[in-house]
N, C-alpha and C. Protein backbone atom coordinates (compact mmCIF):
# COMPACT_ATOMS: atom_id res chain seq x y z
N MET A 1 23.59 -94.28 -6.29
CA MET A 1 23.46 -92.82 -5.33
C MET A 1 21.88 -93.47 -5.08
N ALA A 2 21.97 -93.22 -3.88
CA ALA A 2 20.43 -93.32 -2.83
C ALA A 2 19.68 -92.15 -3.13
N LYS A 3 18.63 -92.21 -3.32
CA LYS A 3 17.65 -91.39 -3.46
C LYS A 3 17.12 -90.53 -2.31
N LEU A 4 17.15 -89.26 -2.06
CA LEU A 4 17.03 -88.44 -0.63
C LEU A 4 15.14 -88.54 -0.51
N GLU A 5 14.98 -88.90 0.63
CA GLU A 5 13.57 -89.05 0.99
C GLU A 5 12.75 -87.46 1.23
N SER A 6 11.71 -87.28 0.53
CA SER A 6 11.12 -86.08 0.51
C SER A 6 10.48 -85.80 1.85
N ASN A 7 11.42 -85.16 3.01
CA ASN A 7 10.31 -85.08 4.02
C ASN A 7 10.73 -83.26 4.44
N LEU A 8 10.32 -83.11 5.57
CA LEU A 8 10.28 -81.48 6.09
C LEU A 8 11.75 -81.64 6.32
N LYS A 9 12.47 -82.37 7.02
CA LYS A 9 14.25 -81.92 7.29
C LYS A 9 14.76 -81.95 5.76
N THR A 10 14.68 -82.84 4.82
CA THR A 10 15.44 -82.53 3.89
C THR A 10 14.84 -81.29 2.92
N MET A 11 13.64 -81.06 2.88
CA MET A 11 13.35 -79.51 2.28
C MET A 11 14.02 -78.63 2.92
N VAL A 12 13.82 -78.58 4.41
CA VAL A 12 14.59 -77.57 5.04
C VAL A 12 16.05 -77.29 4.68
N LEU A 13 16.73 -78.35 4.76
CA LEU A 13 18.16 -78.43 4.45
C LEU A 13 18.74 -78.06 3.25
N SER A 14 17.49 -78.49 2.07
CA SER A 14 17.60 -77.74 0.98
C SER A 14 17.66 -76.66 0.70
N LEU A 15 16.64 -75.90 1.43
CA LEU A 15 16.39 -74.75 1.07
C LEU A 15 17.23 -73.68 1.77
N LEU A 16 17.94 -74.06 3.33
CA LEU A 16 19.16 -73.56 3.79
C LEU A 16 20.13 -73.60 2.91
N GLY A 17 20.69 -74.29 2.00
CA GLY A 17 21.75 -74.48 1.18
C GLY A 17 21.43 -73.67 0.20
N VAL A 18 20.39 -73.90 -0.36
CA VAL A 18 20.55 -72.78 -1.65
C VAL A 18 20.37 -71.14 -0.96
N CYS A 19 19.65 -70.98 -0.01
CA CYS A 19 19.86 -69.31 0.72
C CYS A 19 21.14 -69.26 0.80
N ALA A 20 22.02 -70.09 1.67
CA ALA A 20 23.33 -69.82 1.83
C ALA A 20 24.20 -69.75 0.80
N VAL A 21 24.15 -70.36 -0.62
CA VAL A 21 25.06 -70.13 -1.60
C VAL A 21 24.47 -68.88 -2.20
N ALA A 22 23.15 -68.59 -2.22
CA ALA A 22 22.67 -67.48 -2.89
C ALA A 22 22.95 -65.99 -2.12
N SER A 23 22.77 -66.05 -0.77
CA SER A 23 23.55 -64.64 0.09
C SER A 23 24.82 -64.62 -0.10
N GLY A 24 25.73 -65.69 -0.04
CA GLY A 24 27.19 -66.01 -0.36
C GLY A 24 27.47 -64.98 -1.68
N LEU A 25 26.72 -65.64 -2.68
CA LEU A 25 27.00 -64.69 -3.94
C LEU A 25 26.72 -63.53 -4.36
N LEU A 26 25.46 -62.91 -3.38
CA LEU A 26 25.21 -61.62 -3.29
C LEU A 26 26.00 -60.60 -2.30
N GLY A 27 26.51 -61.17 -1.49
CA GLY A 27 27.65 -60.51 -0.84
C GLY A 27 28.94 -60.18 -1.57
N TYR A 28 29.21 -61.48 -2.52
CA TYR A 28 30.39 -61.31 -3.17
C TYR A 28 30.18 -60.02 -4.26
N MET A 29 29.17 -59.97 -4.96
CA MET A 29 28.92 -59.29 -5.98
C MET A 29 28.81 -57.88 -5.38
N ASN A 30 28.06 -57.50 -4.16
CA ASN A 30 28.18 -56.33 -3.58
C ASN A 30 29.67 -56.11 -3.41
N LYS A 31 30.34 -56.88 -2.62
CA LYS A 31 31.78 -56.06 -2.67
C LYS A 31 32.71 -55.89 -3.62
N ILE A 32 32.38 -56.67 -5.03
CA ILE A 32 33.09 -56.45 -6.11
C ILE A 32 32.65 -54.92 -6.93
N THR A 33 31.31 -54.93 -6.79
CA THR A 33 30.88 -53.38 -7.11
C THR A 33 30.78 -52.38 -6.55
N GLU A 34 31.40 -52.57 -5.28
CA GLU A 34 31.10 -51.28 -4.21
C GLU A 34 32.24 -50.40 -4.80
N GLY A 35 33.31 -50.63 -5.27
CA GLY A 35 34.05 -49.66 -5.78
C GLY A 35 33.70 -48.91 -6.79
N PRO A 36 33.48 -49.42 -8.00
CA PRO A 36 33.12 -48.89 -9.30
C PRO A 36 31.72 -47.94 -8.88
N ILE A 37 30.85 -48.20 -7.94
CA ILE A 37 29.63 -47.68 -7.75
C ILE A 37 29.81 -46.06 -7.21
N ALA A 38 30.77 -46.33 -6.22
CA ALA A 38 31.61 -45.29 -5.23
C ALA A 38 32.25 -44.30 -6.30
N GLU A 39 32.67 -44.82 -7.19
CA GLU A 39 33.75 -44.06 -8.30
C GLU A 39 32.61 -43.43 -8.99
N SER A 40 31.75 -44.18 -9.63
CA SER A 40 30.66 -43.61 -10.44
C SER A 40 30.01 -42.25 -9.85
N LYS A 41 29.60 -42.36 -8.25
CA LYS A 41 29.24 -41.37 -7.78
C LYS A 41 29.82 -40.34 -7.51
N LEU A 42 30.97 -40.29 -7.28
CA LEU A 42 31.99 -39.19 -7.22
C LEU A 42 32.24 -38.62 -8.51
N LYS A 43 32.42 -39.18 -9.84
CA LYS A 43 32.50 -38.68 -11.07
C LYS A 43 31.30 -37.49 -11.38
N THR A 44 30.03 -38.24 -10.97
CA THR A 44 28.77 -37.61 -11.14
C THR A 44 29.20 -36.18 -10.47
N LYS A 45 29.44 -36.21 -9.21
CA LYS A 45 29.47 -35.11 -7.99
C LYS A 45 30.51 -33.79 -8.68
N LEU A 46 31.49 -34.53 -9.43
CA LEU A 46 32.37 -33.59 -9.63
C LEU A 46 31.99 -32.94 -11.05
N ALA A 47 31.52 -33.86 -12.30
CA ALA A 47 30.97 -33.04 -13.30
C ALA A 47 29.93 -31.87 -12.57
N ALA A 48 28.80 -32.19 -11.91
CA ALA A 48 27.96 -31.54 -11.44
C ALA A 48 28.37 -30.06 -10.72
N ILE A 49 29.62 -30.14 -9.97
CA ILE A 49 30.10 -29.03 -9.39
C ILE A 49 30.99 -28.41 -10.41
N GLN A 50 31.27 -28.82 -11.46
CA GLN A 50 31.84 -27.85 -12.82
C GLN A 50 30.84 -27.55 -13.40
N GLN A 51 29.57 -27.78 -13.39
CA GLN A 51 28.36 -27.43 -14.01
C GLN A 51 27.77 -25.97 -13.17
N VAL A 52 27.89 -26.23 -11.85
CA VAL A 52 27.02 -25.22 -11.12
C VAL A 52 27.88 -24.30 -10.59
N VAL A 53 29.09 -24.21 -10.84
CA VAL A 53 29.94 -22.81 -10.18
C VAL A 53 30.91 -22.38 -11.51
N PRO A 54 31.27 -21.20 -11.58
CA PRO A 54 32.40 -20.64 -12.09
C PRO A 54 33.41 -21.36 -12.49
N GLU A 55 34.35 -21.03 -13.38
CA GLU A 55 35.62 -21.97 -13.75
C GLU A 55 36.25 -21.67 -12.42
N PHE A 56 37.16 -22.26 -11.73
CA PHE A 56 38.01 -22.63 -10.87
C PHE A 56 39.33 -23.19 -10.90
N ASN A 57 39.97 -23.11 -10.20
CA ASN A 57 41.62 -23.68 -10.22
C ASN A 57 41.76 -24.33 -8.75
N ASN A 58 41.14 -24.67 -8.23
CA ASN A 58 41.61 -25.35 -6.91
C ASN A 58 40.80 -26.73 -7.14
N ASN A 59 40.98 -27.63 -6.24
CA ASN A 59 40.23 -28.92 -6.01
C ASN A 59 39.15 -28.86 -4.92
N PRO A 60 37.71 -28.78 -5.48
CA PRO A 60 36.89 -28.74 -4.38
C PRO A 60 36.36 -29.79 -3.33
N GLY A 61 37.00 -30.89 -3.77
CA GLY A 61 36.64 -32.02 -3.20
C GLY A 61 37.75 -31.96 -2.20
N GLU A 62 38.73 -31.47 -2.18
CA GLU A 62 39.95 -31.27 -1.20
C GLU A 62 39.53 -30.42 -0.02
N GLU A 63 38.39 -29.53 -0.20
CA GLU A 63 38.35 -28.65 0.41
C GLU A 63 36.84 -29.13 1.17
N LYS A 64 36.39 -29.88 0.50
CA LYS A 64 34.81 -30.12 1.20
C LYS A 64 34.68 -30.18 2.58
N TYR A 65 33.20 -29.49 3.02
CA TYR A 65 33.11 -29.35 4.35
C TYR A 65 31.57 -29.66 4.36
N THR A 66 31.03 -29.77 5.71
CA THR A 66 29.78 -30.15 5.69
C THR A 66 28.91 -29.00 6.70
N ILE A 67 27.65 -28.80 6.33
CA ILE A 67 26.98 -28.02 7.29
C ILE A 67 25.77 -28.89 7.56
N PRO A 68 25.06 -28.54 8.78
CA PRO A 68 24.09 -29.57 9.22
C PRO A 68 22.83 -28.62 8.64
N SER A 69 21.89 -29.62 8.46
CA SER A 69 20.64 -29.51 7.69
C SER A 69 19.39 -30.35 8.47
N ASP A 70 17.92 -29.87 8.29
CA ASP A 70 17.23 -30.82 8.99
C ASP A 70 16.86 -32.32 8.40
N LEU A 71 17.59 -32.46 7.20
CA LEU A 71 17.86 -33.84 6.40
C LEU A 71 19.28 -34.44 6.48
N GLY A 72 19.93 -34.06 7.72
CA GLY A 72 21.13 -34.42 7.58
C GLY A 72 22.47 -33.44 7.10
N GLU A 73 23.65 -34.08 7.11
CA GLU A 73 24.57 -33.02 6.71
C GLU A 73 24.60 -32.87 5.12
N LEU A 74 25.03 -31.61 4.80
CA LEU A 74 24.83 -31.27 3.31
C LEU A 74 26.42 -30.87 3.06
N GLU A 75 26.92 -31.38 1.99
CA GLU A 75 28.39 -31.33 1.49
C GLU A 75 28.52 -30.15 0.64
N CYS A 76 29.55 -29.07 1.07
CA CYS A 76 29.66 -28.10 0.23
C CYS A 76 31.00 -28.10 -0.24
N PHE A 77 31.28 -27.81 -1.74
CA PHE A 77 32.48 -27.63 -2.35
C PHE A 77 32.84 -26.34 -2.85
N PRO A 78 33.70 -25.64 -1.60
CA PRO A 78 33.95 -24.18 -2.38
C PRO A 78 34.78 -24.53 -3.63
N ALA A 79 34.61 -23.49 -4.57
CA ALA A 79 35.37 -23.19 -5.71
C ALA A 79 35.98 -21.95 -5.49
N ARG A 80 37.39 -21.78 -5.86
CA ARG A 80 38.09 -20.72 -5.93
C ARG A 80 38.87 -20.47 -7.04
N LYS A 81 39.31 -19.16 -7.43
CA LYS A 81 39.90 -18.93 -8.67
C LYS A 81 41.30 -18.26 -8.06
N ASP A 82 42.37 -18.66 -8.18
CA ASP A 82 43.36 -17.92 -7.82
C ASP A 82 43.34 -17.32 -6.53
N GLY A 83 42.57 -18.40 -5.36
CA GLY A 83 42.59 -18.31 -4.08
C GLY A 83 41.40 -17.55 -3.53
N GLN A 84 40.78 -16.75 -4.62
CA GLN A 84 39.53 -16.05 -4.40
C GLN A 84 38.11 -17.13 -4.35
N LEU A 85 37.31 -16.99 -3.38
CA LEU A 85 36.07 -17.67 -3.65
C LEU A 85 35.23 -17.18 -4.65
N VAL A 86 35.05 -18.05 -5.69
CA VAL A 86 33.89 -17.62 -6.80
C VAL A 86 32.49 -18.40 -6.84
N GLY A 87 32.51 -19.50 -5.89
CA GLY A 87 31.12 -20.17 -5.71
C GLY A 87 31.23 -21.48 -4.67
N THR A 88 30.16 -21.60 -4.50
CA THR A 88 29.95 -22.84 -3.66
C THR A 88 29.15 -23.95 -4.07
N ALA A 89 29.45 -25.04 -4.40
CA ALA A 89 28.51 -25.93 -4.74
C ALA A 89 28.02 -27.00 -3.52
N ILE A 90 26.94 -27.01 -3.49
CA ILE A 90 26.16 -27.60 -2.20
C ILE A 90 25.53 -28.78 -2.54
N SER A 91 25.83 -30.02 -2.16
CA SER A 91 24.89 -31.28 -2.71
C SER A 91 23.49 -31.33 -1.51
N SER A 92 22.57 -30.96 -2.04
CA SER A 92 21.28 -30.65 -1.50
C SER A 92 20.18 -31.63 -1.86
N GLN A 93 19.21 -32.04 -0.67
CA GLN A 93 18.25 -33.07 -1.28
C GLN A 93 16.97 -32.47 -0.30
N THR A 94 16.00 -33.12 -0.95
CA THR A 94 14.61 -32.90 -0.30
C THR A 94 13.69 -34.35 -0.55
N ASN A 95 13.05 -34.66 0.63
CA ASN A 95 12.25 -35.69 0.62
C ASN A 95 10.83 -35.48 0.08
N LYS A 96 10.72 -34.17 -0.59
CA LYS A 96 9.06 -33.78 -1.03
C LYS A 96 8.99 -34.17 -2.35
N GLY A 97 9.65 -35.02 -3.01
CA GLY A 97 9.19 -35.44 -4.39
C GLY A 97 8.09 -36.18 -4.55
N PHE A 98 7.60 -36.22 -5.78
CA PHE A 98 6.29 -37.32 -6.00
C PHE A 98 6.65 -38.67 -5.60
N SER A 99 7.99 -39.02 -6.15
CA SER A 99 8.56 -40.62 -6.12
C SER A 99 9.35 -40.42 -5.17
N GLY A 100 9.63 -39.63 -4.30
CA GLY A 100 10.70 -40.04 -2.94
C GLY A 100 11.72 -38.78 -3.18
N THR A 101 12.68 -39.22 -2.91
CA THR A 101 14.11 -38.11 -2.22
C THR A 101 14.63 -37.73 -3.66
N ILE A 102 14.85 -36.38 -3.84
CA ILE A 102 15.17 -35.67 -4.99
C ILE A 102 16.78 -35.19 -4.42
N VAL A 103 17.86 -35.64 -5.12
CA VAL A 103 19.01 -34.94 -4.86
C VAL A 103 19.86 -34.05 -5.72
N ILE A 104 20.21 -32.73 -5.55
CA ILE A 104 20.49 -31.94 -6.70
C ILE A 104 21.77 -31.20 -5.85
N MET A 105 22.60 -30.80 -6.75
CA MET A 105 23.88 -29.92 -6.57
C MET A 105 23.27 -28.11 -6.87
N VAL A 106 23.58 -27.48 -5.79
CA VAL A 106 23.07 -26.25 -6.32
C VAL A 106 24.38 -25.33 -5.97
N GLY A 107 24.83 -24.27 -6.86
CA GLY A 107 25.81 -23.57 -6.96
C GLY A 107 25.55 -22.31 -6.38
N ILE A 108 25.73 -21.47 -5.36
CA ILE A 108 25.58 -20.34 -5.12
C ILE A 108 26.92 -19.56 -4.87
N LYS A 109 26.68 -18.17 -5.42
CA LYS A 109 27.81 -17.32 -5.57
C LYS A 109 28.21 -16.86 -3.97
N PRO A 110 29.17 -15.91 -3.58
CA PRO A 110 29.53 -15.50 -2.05
C PRO A 110 28.49 -14.66 -1.67
N ASP A 111 27.24 -13.71 -2.53
CA ASP A 111 26.81 -12.78 -2.55
C ASP A 111 25.26 -13.24 -2.22
N GLY A 112 25.20 -15.05 -2.28
CA GLY A 112 24.02 -15.29 -1.97
C GLY A 112 23.05 -15.52 -3.57
N SER A 113 23.59 -15.43 -4.41
CA SER A 113 22.54 -15.50 -5.58
C SER A 113 22.93 -16.96 -6.06
N LEU A 114 21.99 -17.46 -6.98
CA LEU A 114 21.97 -18.68 -7.24
C LEU A 114 22.83 -18.96 -8.67
N ILE A 115 23.75 -19.82 -8.69
CA ILE A 115 24.49 -19.74 -10.13
C ILE A 115 23.74 -20.38 -10.88
N ASN A 116 23.65 -21.90 -10.51
CA ASN A 116 23.15 -22.91 -11.55
C ASN A 116 22.69 -24.20 -10.59
N THR A 117 22.10 -25.20 -11.16
CA THR A 117 21.59 -26.26 -10.61
C THR A 117 21.90 -27.64 -11.12
N ALA A 118 21.96 -28.78 -10.69
CA ALA A 118 22.12 -30.11 -11.40
C ALA A 118 21.28 -31.08 -10.52
N VAL A 119 20.69 -31.80 -11.10
CA VAL A 119 20.25 -33.03 -10.97
C VAL A 119 21.25 -34.30 -10.60
N LEU A 120 21.32 -34.62 -9.32
CA LEU A 120 22.20 -35.84 -9.13
C LEU A 120 21.17 -37.17 -9.13
N ASP A 121 20.44 -37.14 -8.41
CA ASP A 121 19.81 -38.60 -8.40
C ASP A 121 18.11 -38.06 -8.12
N HIS A 122 17.23 -38.79 -8.95
CA HIS A 122 15.60 -38.79 -8.64
C HIS A 122 15.03 -39.99 -9.15
N LYS A 123 13.86 -40.18 -8.70
CA LYS A 123 12.91 -41.07 -9.09
C LYS A 123 11.78 -40.91 -9.56
N GLU A 124 11.79 -39.64 -10.24
CA GLU A 124 10.41 -38.95 -10.44
C GLU A 124 9.90 -39.60 -11.77
N THR A 125 8.79 -39.45 -12.05
CA THR A 125 8.30 -40.07 -13.23
C THR A 125 8.47 -39.63 -14.35
N PRO A 126 8.81 -40.95 -14.96
CA PRO A 126 9.35 -40.27 -16.57
C PRO A 126 8.62 -39.44 -17.28
N GLY A 127 9.11 -38.62 -18.01
CA GLY A 127 8.32 -37.71 -18.77
C GLY A 127 7.52 -36.71 -18.35
N LEU A 128 7.43 -36.53 -16.80
CA LEU A 128 7.03 -35.55 -16.26
C LEU A 128 7.69 -35.13 -15.03
N GLY A 129 8.02 -35.22 -13.84
CA GLY A 129 8.80 -34.86 -12.72
C GLY A 129 10.25 -34.99 -13.35
N SER A 130 10.57 -35.75 -14.42
CA SER A 130 11.80 -36.07 -14.69
C SER A 130 12.23 -34.89 -15.59
N LYS A 131 11.51 -34.18 -16.24
CA LYS A 131 11.91 -32.99 -16.80
C LYS A 131 12.67 -32.21 -16.10
N MET A 132 12.60 -32.49 -14.74
CA MET A 132 13.65 -31.25 -14.30
C MET A 132 14.93 -31.28 -14.42
N VAL A 133 15.32 -32.34 -15.17
CA VAL A 133 16.76 -31.99 -15.47
C VAL A 133 16.94 -31.48 -16.88
N GLU A 134 15.93 -30.89 -17.37
CA GLU A 134 15.97 -30.00 -18.67
C GLU A 134 16.29 -28.79 -18.34
N PRO A 135 17.17 -28.07 -19.31
CA PRO A 135 17.61 -26.75 -19.06
C PRO A 135 16.74 -25.76 -18.93
N LYS A 136 15.38 -25.90 -19.65
CA LYS A 136 14.04 -25.05 -19.50
C LYS A 136 13.67 -24.76 -18.19
N PHE A 137 13.96 -25.73 -17.64
CA PHE A 137 13.70 -25.59 -15.95
C PHE A 137 14.32 -25.01 -14.95
N ARG A 138 15.86 -25.67 -15.23
CA ARG A 138 16.74 -25.58 -14.51
C ARG A 138 17.24 -24.01 -14.39
N GLU A 139 17.00 -23.25 -15.67
CA GLU A 139 17.83 -22.58 -15.79
C GLU A 139 16.98 -21.16 -15.43
N GLN A 140 15.88 -21.27 -14.49
CA GLN A 140 14.74 -20.37 -14.05
C GLN A 140 15.39 -19.82 -13.04
N PHE A 141 16.32 -20.77 -12.46
CA PHE A 141 16.80 -20.36 -10.96
C PHE A 141 18.36 -19.47 -10.99
N MET A 142 18.85 -19.37 -12.29
CA MET A 142 20.16 -18.89 -12.30
C MET A 142 20.12 -17.46 -12.30
N GLY A 143 21.03 -16.99 -11.20
CA GLY A 143 20.86 -15.12 -11.15
C GLY A 143 19.96 -15.04 -10.20
N LYS A 144 18.88 -15.68 -9.52
CA LYS A 144 17.99 -15.39 -8.39
C LYS A 144 18.66 -15.41 -7.12
N ASN A 145 18.33 -14.64 -6.04
CA ASN A 145 18.87 -14.81 -4.78
C ASN A 145 17.55 -15.06 -3.77
N PRO A 146 17.77 -15.85 -3.22
CA PRO A 146 16.10 -16.23 -2.53
C PRO A 146 15.82 -15.21 -1.33
N GLU A 147 17.08 -14.30 -1.20
CA GLU A 147 16.83 -13.32 -0.22
C GLU A 147 15.71 -12.39 -0.88
N THR A 148 15.81 -12.19 -2.08
CA THR A 148 14.92 -11.07 -2.72
C THR A 148 13.95 -11.83 -3.49
N ASP A 149 14.47 -12.76 -4.18
CA ASP A 149 13.26 -13.57 -5.39
C ASP A 149 12.71 -14.69 -4.34
N LYS A 150 11.07 -14.91 -4.87
CA LYS A 150 10.44 -16.06 -4.03
C LYS A 150 10.98 -17.44 -4.80
N ILE A 151 11.81 -18.14 -4.45
CA ILE A 151 11.84 -19.49 -4.88
C ILE A 151 10.78 -20.53 -4.80
N LYS A 152 9.45 -20.36 -5.29
CA LYS A 152 8.31 -21.29 -5.10
C LYS A 152 7.88 -20.98 -6.76
N VAL A 153 6.83 -22.36 -6.99
CA VAL A 153 6.31 -22.10 -8.03
C VAL A 153 5.10 -20.72 -8.23
N LYS A 154 4.97 -20.43 -9.36
CA LYS A 154 4.14 -19.72 -9.33
C LYS A 154 2.45 -19.52 -8.66
N LYS A 155 2.18 -21.02 -8.82
CA LYS A 155 0.74 -21.44 -8.05
C LYS A 155 1.13 -21.20 -6.69
N ASP A 156 2.43 -21.10 -5.85
CA ASP A 156 2.28 -20.73 -4.50
C ASP A 156 2.84 -19.43 -4.38
N GLY A 157 2.60 -18.46 -5.20
CA GLY A 157 3.07 -16.99 -5.12
C GLY A 157 4.72 -16.80 -5.64
N GLY A 158 5.33 -17.64 -5.95
CA GLY A 158 6.88 -17.61 -6.46
C GLY A 158 7.11 -17.05 -7.84
N THR A 159 8.14 -17.21 -8.15
CA THR A 159 8.60 -16.65 -9.72
C THR A 159 9.01 -17.84 -10.47
N ILE A 160 8.83 -18.99 -10.21
CA ILE A 160 9.29 -20.00 -10.93
C ILE A 160 7.75 -20.87 -11.58
N ASP A 161 7.99 -21.16 -12.77
CA ASP A 161 7.21 -21.90 -13.64
C ASP A 161 7.16 -23.15 -13.22
N ALA A 162 6.03 -23.92 -12.85
CA ALA A 162 6.18 -25.35 -12.54
C ALA A 162 6.46 -26.28 -13.85
N ILE A 163 6.94 -27.20 -13.81
CA ILE A 163 7.03 -28.48 -14.85
C ILE A 163 5.30 -29.04 -15.11
N THR A 164 4.89 -28.95 -16.21
CA THR A 164 3.45 -28.86 -16.42
C THR A 164 3.02 -30.51 -15.99
N ALA A 165 2.32 -30.65 -15.26
CA ALA A 165 1.51 -31.79 -14.70
C ALA A 165 2.51 -32.65 -14.01
N ALA A 166 3.60 -31.91 -13.08
CA ALA A 166 4.63 -32.01 -12.40
C ALA A 166 4.99 -31.11 -11.32
N THR A 167 3.96 -30.72 -10.52
CA THR A 167 3.90 -29.42 -9.58
C THR A 167 4.59 -29.91 -8.40
N ILE A 168 4.36 -31.10 -8.03
CA ILE A 168 5.35 -31.71 -6.84
C ILE A 168 6.54 -31.53 -6.93
N SER A 169 7.13 -32.11 -8.01
CA SER A 169 8.28 -32.43 -8.37
C SER A 169 8.77 -30.76 -8.48
N SER A 170 8.28 -30.09 -8.94
CA SER A 170 8.79 -28.53 -8.98
C SER A 170 8.62 -27.98 -7.70
N ARG A 171 7.82 -28.21 -6.98
CA ARG A 171 8.00 -27.75 -5.52
C ARG A 171 9.20 -28.29 -4.78
N ALA A 172 9.31 -29.62 -5.01
CA ALA A 172 10.45 -30.35 -4.07
C ALA A 172 11.89 -29.93 -4.45
N TYR A 173 11.63 -29.62 -5.82
CA TYR A 173 13.18 -28.93 -6.43
C TYR A 173 13.44 -27.52 -5.89
N CYS A 174 12.53 -26.78 -5.90
CA CYS A 174 12.70 -25.20 -5.01
C CYS A 174 12.80 -25.83 -3.73
N ASP A 175 12.41 -26.61 -3.23
CA ASP A 175 12.98 -26.90 -1.49
C ASP A 175 14.10 -27.69 -1.25
N ALA A 176 14.58 -28.00 -2.24
CA ALA A 176 16.07 -28.44 -2.25
C ALA A 176 16.75 -27.53 -2.59
N ILE A 177 16.45 -26.40 -3.40
CA ILE A 177 17.30 -25.38 -3.43
C ILE A 177 17.36 -24.17 -2.45
N LEU A 178 16.13 -24.21 -1.73
CA LEU A 178 16.46 -23.12 -0.47
C LEU A 178 16.75 -23.91 0.65
N ARG A 179 16.62 -25.50 0.83
CA ARG A 179 17.51 -26.14 2.17
C ARG A 179 18.86 -25.72 1.87
N ALA A 180 19.54 -25.85 0.54
CA ALA A 180 20.85 -25.47 0.42
C ALA A 180 21.34 -23.75 1.13
N TRP A 181 20.42 -22.93 0.33
CA TRP A 181 20.64 -21.66 0.57
C TRP A 181 20.71 -21.39 1.80
N ASN A 182 19.59 -21.76 2.60
CA ASN A 182 19.47 -21.17 4.19
C ASN A 182 20.52 -22.02 4.79
N ALA A 183 20.90 -23.27 4.59
CA ALA A 183 22.23 -23.81 5.31
C ALA A 183 23.37 -22.88 4.93
N TYR A 184 23.56 -22.53 3.62
CA TYR A 184 24.77 -21.96 3.45
C TYR A 184 24.84 -20.39 4.29
N GLN A 185 23.54 -19.79 4.26
CA GLN A 185 23.61 -18.66 4.92
C GLN A 185 23.84 -18.83 6.38
N LYS A 186 23.55 -19.88 7.01
CA LYS A 186 23.76 -20.27 8.34
C LYS A 186 25.12 -20.33 8.83
N GLY A 187 25.77 -21.02 7.82
CA GLY A 187 27.19 -21.47 8.25
C GLY A 187 27.86 -22.25 6.99
N GLY A 188 27.65 -21.71 6.21
CA GLY A 188 28.32 -22.49 4.83
C GLY A 188 29.14 -21.77 4.19
N LYS A 189 29.24 -20.25 4.47
CA LYS A 189 30.21 -19.21 3.76
C LYS A 189 31.73 -19.63 4.12
N LYS A 190 32.50 -20.26 3.75
CA LYS A 190 33.96 -20.34 3.90
C LYS A 190 34.87 -20.21 2.86
């Protein structure tokens, strides 16, 4: 077998071959993991819906609708018990987190008060901003109505205790809740 001469042409062809194989493998792996990733995200969303609204007997995913927001469309999942609306779960987000976007599910009663919240996705600092998933922080929002209660951290004149050493993350969480609530008030009551 003849030995290939090491010149620019051979090196470029070798590099192109390696890149073609690597990109083909990456594309293939993306294709086979696409379905399971989407299924996992849907399961996470459905679990969050059950966590943020009262007991329901409809399928909120089938009745899903969207409402406009300044960061794009917000998904709304109406929860009904025997045909009566008991709450709406809204997938909201904010780009004001310390480490980027925070996505949460917000449960809102028909009267506009908050039922519960759940974190869907975040990249906040472990041990600091990531404490937003803990009940001690999230339960502060339960029963509050942004129309009468200031959904801001106490440092900003609100009623919410910020996470220690994670005020930016706490502010972002409040922002995501208010984004959902404002969109719901403008056109999400269905």
